[in-house]
Amino acid sequence: MAAHDEVLALIALTQIEGVGGRLCRRLRERWGNLTAFWEGAPLPPALQKEPIDRASLRIQAETIATTCEKYHIEIIPFWSERFPYLLQHIPAAPAILYRRGSLTDLSRLSVAVIGTRKPDSYGLQATELFTEALVEAGAVIVSGLAYGIDAKAHQTALAKGGLTIAVLAHGLDVVYPPLHKPLAERILAQGALLSEYPPGDTLHPMRFPHRNRIIAGLSHLTLVVQSGLPGGALTTARAAFAADRPVFAVPGPIFSPLSQGCHHLIHEQIAQIAHNPAALLTELKTQAERLHFPLPSPKAPTNPHPQTPLFDDPLDQAIYEAVASGIHFLDEVAAKVKRPIQEVTQRIVFLEIEGWLVQEPGNKVRLAKTPNAKS
């Protein structure tokens, strides 16, 4: 009962404005056990400006714990052996983690793969290339479930039979963006959803930088595929750099705004150039040896093209089936589905972002190696 009371005390403390992981650790060291909070132990003067209703906080903490049971969310306090080792050693480590999913070992060899929400074909292909190699090497892929590069990284890991972790900036009782709910369900079966926020906490834009430090903190190294200036991926890269973790960035065309963030990281010597997957795999092996992590067994190759998926939009279905049948030129696809080429091109861009198709030079299109979670 005492251990349960201490977890409730930690939940309650994290609901007080101005209380973070560093203070929770200091209080536990000072008090010996956070249950002292329920006994009226004094808080730092900065937190005593407003009266703290500990009885109400206990009710709030108990409600959060009950909701976690309802959604099968594990509560991991910072003193638990299940709290990720790497995450303990970042400048602003969280006090608590909430976890859903099949992956219970959060201290496995991991790589963050991140980037812009609006990538181009080059960015999606690069994400696929690097993520496949990392999964085959046995790495867990960590990202943020956002549109674009994040989603592509998760999708690629899942399609290769790998493990992936999505770190969210809100409670685990909901999924944002809502369109990624099917993807989140697949991640639950082959990985985990993580957050430092309890169920019921809604999304706020200011939470994304906080979320990004956890993505970096869970990972042995971080890969930025595409990012503009400014870009959320840059905050993750800087958090990884501050935690003394290697950062890599994929170079791109000098005229592309989507490459400016990566080039900036390389110029500032925050990131190394990710010119091919081998560079990352070599660094990953070095990290594993330095931190005494056993390298996992490489993944066996999986079938890259499962059965044809079912789409909600009939045009998307027709386009996918046309490409799957061997038609690769955009004008031929448009003729096959009997729709204007401009309309077909717009849908192909959407299907590419969702991870189904890949556009190539010469007005050609092909199936992606990693279909989306809708199948």
Foldseek 3Di string as FASTA:
>chain_A
DLVVLQLLLLQLQVVQPPDWQVQVVVVCVVVVTSNVVVVVPDDPPVSPPDDDDVVVSSVVSVVLVVVCVVVVKDKAAPVDPQPAPLLVQFPGRGGIKIKFADDSRLNAAAEEEDADLQDALQLLVVLLQQLLVCQLQPHEYEYALHFFSRQSSLLSQVLQVHAYEHEYLFAPVADPPNVCPLSVVSNRHRYMYMYSYTPPGDDDVVSLLVSLLVSLSSHQEYEYEWYAVVGSVLSNLVSNLSSVHAYEYEADDPPDRRRHSRVVCVVVVSHDYCPHNVVVVVVSVVSCVVVVNDGDNGGDGDQLDDDQFDDPDPLLSQLLVVQVVPAWALVVSCVSSVHDSVVNVVSQSVQVSQQAKRADPPRTIHGGSGHHSRD
